[in-house]
Amino acid sequence: MAAPRELVRGLRSVDLDGLAVLTYARFTGAPLKVRKVINSWWSPSGTLPALLTHQGEAILRPHKVTTPLGKEKHNANK
């Protein structure tokens, strides 16, 4: 199993993009660590949510998060 990636998201419960990524990860069983921050400037990318990859990149859009997770056999289209 791959090491978990890290999702940096806001503290607000209405952070829809962050919630979408969390829901996808839990639904597919993808390993994901979550770091909640107060402001977006605590994020390495300056925006929230951000999925940090193993290579140190930050993926910023929820629809782009599903691609690398799907390549690791964490696909919701089963």
PDB file of N, CA and C in Angstrom:
ATOM      1  N   MET A   1       0.847  -1.189   0.000  1.00  0.00           N
ATOM      2  CA  MET A   1       0.000   0.000   0.000  1.00  0.00           C
ATOM      3  C   MET A   1       0.881   1.238   0.000  1.00  0.00           C
ATOM      4  N   ALA A   2       0.486   2.235  -0.726  1.00  0.00           N
ATOM      5  CA  ALA A   2       1.234   3.483  -0.821  1.00  0.00           C
ATOM      6  C   ALA A   2       1.132   4.275   0.475  1.00  0.00           C
ATOM      7  N   ALA A   3       2.162   5.058   0.734  1.00  0.00           N
ATOM      8  CA  ALA A   3       2.142   5.924   1.915  1.00  0.00           C
ATOM      9  C   ALA A   3       1.054   6.978   1.731  1.00  0.00           C
ATOM     10  N   PRO A   4       0.447   7.417   2.822  1.00  0.00           N
ATOM     11  CA  PRO A   4      -0.626   8.405   2.687  1.00  0.00           C
ATOM     12  C   PRO A   4      -0.122   9.751   2.200  1.00  0.00           C
ATOM     13  N   ARG A   5      -0.937  10.370   1.396  1.00  0.00           N
ATOM     14  CA  ARG A   5      -0.677  11.750   0.996  1.00  0.00           C
ATOM     15  C   ARG A   5      -1.263  12.649   2.059  1.00  0.00           C
ATOM     16  N   GLU A   6      -0.958  13.941   1.962  1.00  0.00           N
ATOM     17  CA  GLU A   6      -1.462  14.881   2.959  1.00  0.00           C
ATOM     18  C   GLU A   6      -2.388  15.888   2.293  1.00  0.00           C
ATOM     19  N   LEU A   7      -3.559  16.059   2.870  1.00  0.00           N
ATOM     20  CA  LEU A   7      -4.519  17.051   2.407  1.00  0.00           C
ATOM     21  C   LEU A   7      -4.492  18.222   3.373  1.00  0.00           C
ATOM     22  N   VAL A   8      -4.230  19.406   2.866  1.00  0.00           N
ATOM     23  CA  VAL A   8      -4.262  20.622   3.673  1.00  0.00           C
ATOM     24  C   VAL A   8      -5.596  21.293   3.378  1.00  0.00           C
ATOM     25  N   ARG A   9      -6.411  21.443   4.426  1.00  0.00           N
ATOM     26  CA  ARG A   9      -7.735  22.039   4.214  1.00  0.00           C
ATOM     27  C   ARG A   9      -8.047  23.007   5.327  1.00  0.00           C
ATOM     28  N   GLY A  10      -9.060  23.843   5.101  1.00  0.00           N
ATOM     29  CA  GLY A  10      -9.476  24.834   6.076  1.00  0.00           C
ATOM     30  C   GLY A  10     -10.264  24.222   7.216  1.00  0.00           C
ATOM     31  N   LEU A  11     -10.410  24.972   8.275  1.00  0.00           N
ATOM     32  CA  LEU A  11     -11.151  24.506   9.444  1.00  0.00           C
ATOM     33  C   LEU A  11     -12.659  24.560   9.250  1.00  0.00           C
ATOM     34  N   ARG A  12     -13.106  25.364   8.304  1.00  0.00           N
ATOM     35  CA  ARG A  12     -14.552  25.527   8.121  1.00  0.00           C
ATOM     36  C   ARG A  12     -15.191  24.219   7.680  1.00  0.00           C
ATOM     37  N   SER A  13     -16.324  23.916   8.266  1.00  0.00           N
ATOM     38  CA  SER A  13     -17.028  22.693   7.889  1.00  0.00           C
ATOM     39  C   SER A  13     -17.699  22.832   6.527  1.00  0.00           C
ATOM     40  N   VAL A  14     -17.798  24.048   6.010  1.00  0.00           N
ATOM     41  CA  VAL A  14     -18.425  24.261   4.708  1.00  0.00           C
ATOM     42  C   VAL A  14     -17.394  24.410   3.596  1.00  0.00           C
ATOM     43  N   ASP A  15     -16.193  23.939   3.840  1.00  0.00           N
ATOM     44  CA  ASP A  15     -15.135  23.926   2.829  1.00  0.00           C
ATOM     45  C   ASP A  15     -15.475  22.810   1.834  1.00  0.00           C
ATOM     46  N   LEU A  16     -16.298  23.137   0.834  1.00  0.00           N
ATOM     47  CA  LEU A  16     -16.855  22.119  -0.052  1.00  0.00           C
ATOM     48  C   LEU A  16     -15.803  21.361  -0.831  1.00  0.00           C
ATOM     49  N   ASP A  17     -14.778  22.037  -1.314  1.00  0.00           N
ATOM     50  CA  ASP A  17     -13.738  21.342  -2.065  1.00  0.00           C
ATOM     51  C   ASP A  17     -12.985  20.367  -1.173  1.00  0.00           C
ATOM     52  N   GLY A  18     -12.661  20.798   0.040  1.00  0.00           N
ATOM     53  CA  GLY A  18     -11.988  19.914   0.980  1.00  0.00           C
ATOM     54  C   GLY A  18     -12.845  18.721   1.358  1.00  0.00           C
ATOM     55  N   LEU A  19     -14.126  18.965   1.573  1.00  0.00           N
ATOM     56  CA  LEU A  19     -15.040  17.872   1.897  1.00  0.00           C
ATOM     57  C   LEU A  19     -15.194  16.897   0.734  1.00  0.00           C
ATOM     58  N   ALA A  20     -15.168  17.412  -0.487  1.00  0.00           N
ATOM     59  CA  ALA A  20     -15.268  16.538  -1.662  1.00  0.00           C
ATOM     60  C   ALA A  20     -14.064  15.603  -1.741  1.00  0.00           C
ATOM     61  N   VAL A  21     -12.878  16.120  -1.483  1.00  0.00           N
ATOM     62  CA  VAL A  21     -11.667  15.293  -1.518  1.00  0.00           C
ATOM     63  C   VAL A  21     -11.702  14.260  -0.393  1.00  0.00           C
ATOM     64  N   LEU A  22     -12.095  14.682   0.812  1.00  0.00           N
ATOM     65  CA  LEU A  22     -12.196  13.751   1.937  1.00  0.00           C
ATOM     66  C   LEU A  22     -13.196  12.637   1.654  1.00  0.00           C
ATOM     67  N   THR A  23     -14.334  12.992   1.093  1.00  0.00           N
ATOM     68  CA  THR A  23     -15.360  12.005   0.778  1.00  0.00           C
ATOM     69  C   THR A  23     -14.846  11.003  -0.241  1.00  0.00           C
ATOM     70  N   TYR A  24     -14.198  11.489  -1.285  1.00  0.00           N
ATOM     71  CA  TYR A  24     -13.650  10.601  -2.310  1.00  0.00           C
ATOM     72  C   TYR A  24     -12.617   9.654  -1.705  1.00  0.00           C
ATOM     73  N   ALA A  25     -11.725  10.192  -0.876  1.00  0.00           N
ATOM     74  CA  ALA A  25     -10.670   9.369  -0.272  1.00  0.00           C
ATOM     75  C   ALA A  25     -11.267   8.292   0.628  1.00  0.00           C
ATOM     76  N   ARG A  26     -12.246   8.652   1.414  1.00  0.00           N
ATOM     77  CA  ARG A  26     -12.857   7.666   2.321  1.00  0.00           C
ATOM     78  C   ARG A  26     -13.673   6.635   1.552  1.00  0.00           C
ATOM     79  N   PHE A  27     -14.352   7.067   0.512  1.00  0.00           N
ATOM     80  CA  PHE A  27     -15.173   6.163  -0.285  1.00  0.00           C
ATOM     81  C   PHE A  27     -14.320   5.123  -0.997  1.00  0.00           C
ATOM     82  N   THR A  28     -13.150   5.536  -1.462  1.00  0.00           N
ATOM     83  CA  THR A  28     -12.283   4.633  -2.225  1.00  0.00           C
ATOM     84  C   THR A  28     -11.247   3.933  -1.357  1.00  0.00           C
ATOM     85  N   GLY A  29     -11.117   4.346  -0.100  1.00  0.00           N
ATOM     86  CA  GLY A  29     -10.131   3.723   0.782  1.00  0.00           C
ATOM     87  C   GLY A  29      -8.721   4.244   0.580  1.00  0.00           C
ATOM     88  N   ALA A  30      -8.580   5.392  -0.056  1.00  0.00           N
ATOM     89  CA  ALA A  30      -7.253   5.967  -0.292  1.00  0.00           C
ATOM     90  C   ALA A  30      -6.647   6.457   1.024  1.00  0.00           C
ATOM     91  N   PRO A  31      -5.379   6.125   1.277  1.00  0.00           N
ATOM     92  CA  PRO A  31      -4.738   6.617   2.498  1.00  0.00           C
ATOM     93  C   PRO A  31      -4.494   8.126   2.382  1.00  0.00           C
ATOM     94  N   LEU A  32      -4.960   8.860   3.376  1.00  0.00           N
ATOM     95  CA  LEU A  32      -4.865  10.316   3.310  1.00  0.00           C
ATOM     96  C   LEU A  32      -4.747  10.878   4.720  1.00  0.00           C
ATOM     97  N   LYS A  33      -3.704  11.646   4.960  1.00  0.00           N
ATOM     98  CA  LYS A  33      -3.577  12.373   6.218  1.00  0.00           C
ATOM     99  C   LYS A  33      -4.171  13.755   5.996  1.00  0.00           C
ATOM    100  N   VAL A  34      -4.815  14.303   7.015  1.00  0.00           N
ATOM    101  CA  VAL A  34      -5.455  15.614   6.892  1.00  0.00           C
ATOM    102  C   VAL A  34      -4.808  16.574   7.870  1.00  0.00           C
ATOM    103  N   ARG A  35      -4.420  17.733   7.352  1.00  0.00           N
ATOM    104  CA  ARG A  35      -3.899  18.812   8.196  1.00  0.00           C
ATOM    105  C   ARG A  35      -4.837  19.999   8.041  1.00  0.00           C
ATOM    106  N   LYS A  36      -5.472  20.394   9.140  1.00  0.00           N
ATOM    107  CA  LYS A  36      -6.385  21.535   9.105  1.00  0.00           C
ATOM    108  C   LYS A  36      -5.624  22.798   9.473  1.00  0.00           C
ATOM    109  N   VAL A  37      -5.835  23.842   8.677  1.00  0.00           N
ATOM    110  CA  VAL A  37      -5.162  25.117   8.910  1.00  0.00           C
ATOM    111  C   VAL A  37      -6.201  26.227   9.019  1.00  0.00           C
ATOM    112  N   ILE A  38      -5.811  27.312   9.653  1.00  0.00           N
ATOM    113  CA  ILE A  38      -6.718  28.429   9.872  1.00  0.00           C
ATOM    114  C   ILE A  38      -6.856  29.295   8.628  1.00  0.00           C
ATOM    115  N   ASN A  39      -5.747  29.606   8.000  1.00  0.00           N
ATOM    116  CA  ASN A  39      -5.736  30.487   6.823  1.00  0.00           C
ATOM    117  C   ASN A  39      -5.032  29.813   5.665  1.00  0.00           C
ATOM    118  N   SER A  40      -5.383  30.228   4.466  1.00  0.00           N
ATOM    119  CA  SER A  40      -4.770  29.627   3.279  1.00  0.00           C
ATOM    120  C   SER A  40      -3.279  29.908   3.179  1.00  0.00           C
ATOM    121  N   TRP A  41      -2.782  30.926   3.845  1.00  0.00           N
ATOM    122  CA  TRP A  41      -1.349  31.208   3.746  1.00  0.00           C
ATOM    123  C   TRP A  41      -0.525  30.175   4.503  1.00  0.00           C
ATOM    124  N   TRP A  42      -1.160  29.296   5.294  1.00  0.00           N
ATOM    125  CA  TRP A  42      -0.449  28.184   5.923  1.00  0.00           C
ATOM    126  C   TRP A  42      -0.273  27.030   4.947  1.00  0.00           C
ATOM    127  N   SER A  43      -0.974  27.086   3.853  1.00  0.00           N
ATOM    128  CA  SER A  43      -0.862  26.045   2.838  1.00  0.00           C
ATOM    129  C   SER A  43       0.378  26.292   1.988  1.00  0.00           C
ATOM    130  N   PRO A  44       1.097  25.252   1.598  1.00  0.00           N
ATOM    131  CA  PRO A  44       2.277  25.446   0.753  1.00  0.00           C
ATOM    132  C   PRO A  44       1.960  26.106  -0.582  1.00  0.00           C
ATOM    133  N   SER A  45       0.719  25.929  -1.057  1.00  0.00           N
ATOM    134  CA  SER A  45       0.341  26.499  -2.345  1.00  0.00           C
ATOM    135  C   SER A  45      -0.327  27.862  -2.212  1.00  0.00           C
ATOM    136  N   GLY A  46      -0.739  28.221  -0.993  1.00  0.00           N
ATOM    137  CA  GLY A  46      -1.438  29.482  -0.786  1.00  0.00           C
ATOM    138  C   GLY A  46      -2.930  29.402  -1.003  1.00  0.00           C
ATOM    139  N   THR A  47      -3.428  28.221  -1.377  1.00  0.00           N
ATOM    140  CA  THR A  47      -4.867  28.021  -1.565  1.00  0.00           C
ATOM    141  C   THR A  47      -5.295  26.747  -0.836  1.00  0.00           C
ATOM    142  N   LEU A  48      -6.589  26.668  -0.570  1.00  0.00           N
ATOM    143  CA  LEU A  48      -7.146  25.490   0.090  1.00  0.00           C
ATOM    144  C   LEU A  48      -8.282  24.932  -0.729  1.00  0.00           C
ATOM    145  N   PRO A  49      -8.481  23.656  -0.778  1.00  0.00           N
ATOM    146  CA  PRO A  49      -7.619  22.628  -0.241  1.00  0.00           C
ATOM    147  C   PRO A  49      -6.444  22.374  -1.171  1.00  0.00           C
ATOM    148  N   ALA A  50      -5.417  21.735  -0.661  1.00  0.00           N
ATOM    149  CA  ALA A  50      -4.252  21.353  -1.458  1.00  0.00           C
ATOM    150  C   ALA A  50      -3.861  19.938  -1.075  1.00  0.00           C
ATOM    151  N   LEU A  51      -3.734  19.083  -2.063  1.00  0.00           N
ATOM    152  CA  LEU A  51      -3.258  17.730  -1.835  1.00  0.00           C
ATOM    153  C   LEU A  51      -1.772  17.711  -2.139  1.00  0.00           C
ATOM    154  N   LEU A  52      -0.971  17.384  -1.141  1.00  0.00           N
ATOM    155  CA  LEU A  52       0.468  17.349  -1.314  1.00  0.00           C
ATOM    156  C   LEU A  52       0.880  15.955  -1.772  1.00  0.00           C
ATOM    157  N   THR A  53       1.601  15.891  -2.883  1.00  0.00           N
ATOM    158  CA  THR A  53       2.027  14.610  -3.428  1.00  0.00           C
ATOM    159  C   THR A  53       3.347  14.186  -2.804  1.00  0.00           C
ATOM    160  N   HIS A  54       3.749  12.975  -3.121  1.00  0.00           N
ATOM    161  CA  HIS A  54       5.017  12.448  -2.603  1.00  0.00           C
ATOM    162  C   HIS A  54       6.214  13.202  -3.185  1.00  0.00           C
ATOM    163  N   GLN A  55       6.037  13.847  -4.321  1.00  0.00           N
ATOM    164  CA  GLN A  55       7.102  14.606  -4.956  1.00  0.00           C
ATOM    165  C   GLN A  55       7.151  16.059  -4.479  1.00  0.00           C
ATOM    166  N   GLY A  56       6.294  16.423  -3.553  1.00  0.00           N
ATOM    167  CA  GLY A  56       6.279  17.781  -3.023  1.00  0.00           C
ATOM    168  C   GLY A  56       5.415  18.757  -3.806  1.00  0.00           C
ATOM    169  N   GLU A  57       4.681  18.270  -4.797  1.00  0.00           N
ATOM    170  CA  GLU A  57       3.774  19.125  -5.561  1.00  0.00           C
ATOM    171  C   GLU A  57       2.464  19.296  -4.808  1.00  0.00           C
ATOM    172  N   ALA A  58       1.731  20.344  -5.147  1.00  0.00           N
ATOM    173  CA  ALA A  58       0.419  20.590  -4.550  1.00  0.00           C
ATOM    174  C   ALA A  58      -0.629  20.560  -5.657  1.00  0.00           C
ATOM    175  N   ILE A  59      -1.617  19.680  -5.508  1.00  0.00           N
ATOM    176  CA  ILE A  59      -2.738  19.604  -6.450  1.00  0.00           C
ATOM    177  C   ILE A  59      -3.870  20.411  -5.837  1.00  0.00           C
ATOM    178  N   LEU A  60      -4.398  21.361  -6.600  1.00  0.00           N
ATOM    179  CA  LEU A  60      -5.312  22.343  -6.035  1.00  0.00           C
ATOM    180  C   LEU A  60      -6.785  22.115  -6.352  1.00  0.00           C
ATOM    181  N   ARG A  61      -7.117  21.436  -7.396  1.00  0.00           N
ATOM    182  CA  ARG A  61      -8.516  21.260  -7.795  1.00  0.00           C
ATOM    183  C   ARG A  61      -8.994  19.859  -7.447  1.00  0.00           C
ATOM    184  N   PRO A  62     -10.172  19.737  -6.821  1.00  0.00           N
ATOM    185  CA  PRO A  62     -10.665  18.419  -6.431  1.00  0.00           C
ATOM    186  C   PRO A  62     -10.755  17.419  -7.581  1.00  0.00           C
ATOM    187  N   HIS A  63     -11.164  17.865  -8.767  1.00  0.00           N
ATOM    188  CA  HIS A  63     -11.276  16.927  -9.883  1.00  0.00           C
ATOM    189  C   HIS A  63      -9.913  16.426 -10.341  1.00  0.00           C
ATOM    190  N   LYS A  64      -8.854  17.161 -10.057  1.00  0.00           N
ATOM    191  CA  LYS A  64      -7.513  16.705 -10.407  1.00  0.00           C
ATOM    192  C   LYS A  64      -6.931  15.774  -9.345  1.00  0.00           C
ATOM    193  N   VAL A  65      -7.490  15.792  -8.149  1.00  0.00           N
ATOM    194  CA  VAL A  65      -7.030  14.910  -7.077  1.00  0.00           C
ATOM    195  C   VAL A  65      -7.391  13.465  -7.392  1.00  0.00           C
ATOM    196  N   THR A  66      -8.525  13.255  -8.009  1.00  0.00           N
ATOM    197  CA  THR A  66      -8.983  11.896  -8.264  1.00  0.00           C
ATOM    198  C   THR A  66      -8.094  11.160  -9.262  1.00  0.00           C
ATOM    199  N   THR A  67      -7.407  11.860 -10.132  1.00  0.00           N
ATOM    200  CA  THR A  67      -6.567  11.208 -11.141  1.00  0.00           C
ATOM    201  C   THR A  67      -5.405  10.446 -10.517  1.00  0.00           C
ATOM    202  N   PRO A  68      -4.561  11.092  -9.675  1.00  0.00           N
ATOM    203  CA  PRO A  68      -3.462  10.315  -9.101  1.00  0.00           C
ATOM    204  C   PRO A  68      -3.935   9.232  -8.131  1.00  0.00           C
ATOM    205  N   LEU A  69      -5.017   9.469  -7.427  1.00  0.00           N
ATOM    206  CA  LEU A  69      -5.546   8.439  -6.533  1.00  0.00           C
ATOM    207  C   LEU A  69      -6.091   7.263  -7.328  1.00  0.00           C
ATOM    208  N   GLY A  70      -6.725   7.550  -8.456  1.00  0.00           N
ATOM    209  CA  GLY A  70      -7.244   6.488  -9.313  1.00  0.00           C
ATOM    210  C   GLY A  70      -6.146   5.633  -9.915  1.00  0.00           C
ATOM    211  N   LYS A  71      -5.008   6.236 -10.208  1.00  0.00           N
ATOM    212  CA  LYS A  71      -3.874   5.480 -10.748  1.00  0.00           C
ATOM    213  C   LYS A  71      -3.292   4.519  -9.715  1.00  0.00           C
ATOM    214  N   GLU A  72      -3.557   4.782  -8.439  1.00  0.00           N
ATOM    215  CA  GLU A  72      -3.093   3.899  -7.371  1.00  0.00           C
ATOM    216  C   GLU A  72      -4.176   2.921  -6.942  1.00  0.00           C
ATOM    217  N   LYS A  73      -5.101   2.643  -7.813  1.00  0.00           N
ATOM    218  CA  LYS A  73      -6.185   1.688  -7.564  1.00  0.00           C
ATOM    219  C   LYS A  73      -7.208   2.171  -6.546  1.00  0.00           C
ATOM    220  N   HIS A  74      -7.287   3.484  -6.328  1.00  0.00           N
ATOM    221  CA  HIS A  74      -8.321   4.057  -5.468  1.00  0.00           C
ATOM    222  C   HIS A  74      -9.304   4.801  -6.369  1.00  0.00           C
ATOM    223  N   ASN A  75     -10.141   4.023  -7.034  1.00  0.00           N
ATOM    224  CA  ASN A  75     -11.016   4.558  -8.066  1.00  0.00           C
ATOM    225  C   ASN A  75     -12.473   4.327  -7.666  1.00  0.00           C
ATOM    226  N   ALA A  76     -13.284   5.362  -7.757  1.00  0.00           N
ATOM    227  CA  ALA A  76     -14.701   5.246  -7.401  1.00  0.00           C
ATOM    228  C   ALA A  76     -15.548   4.677  -8.533  1.00  0.00           C
ATOM    229  N   ASN A  77     -14.967   4.461  -9.688  1.00  0.00           N
ATOM    230  CA  ASN A  77     -15.719   3.979 -10.860  1.00  0.00           C
ATOM    231  C   ASN A  77     -15.646   2.458 -10.977  1.00  0.00           C
ATOM    232  N   LYS A  78     -15.782   1.759  -9.890  1.00  0.00           N
ATOM    233  CA  LYS A  78     -15.693   0.294  -9.916  1.00  0.00           C
ATOM    234  C   LYS A  78     -17.040  -0.314 -10.170  1.00  0.00           C
TER     235      LYS A  78
END
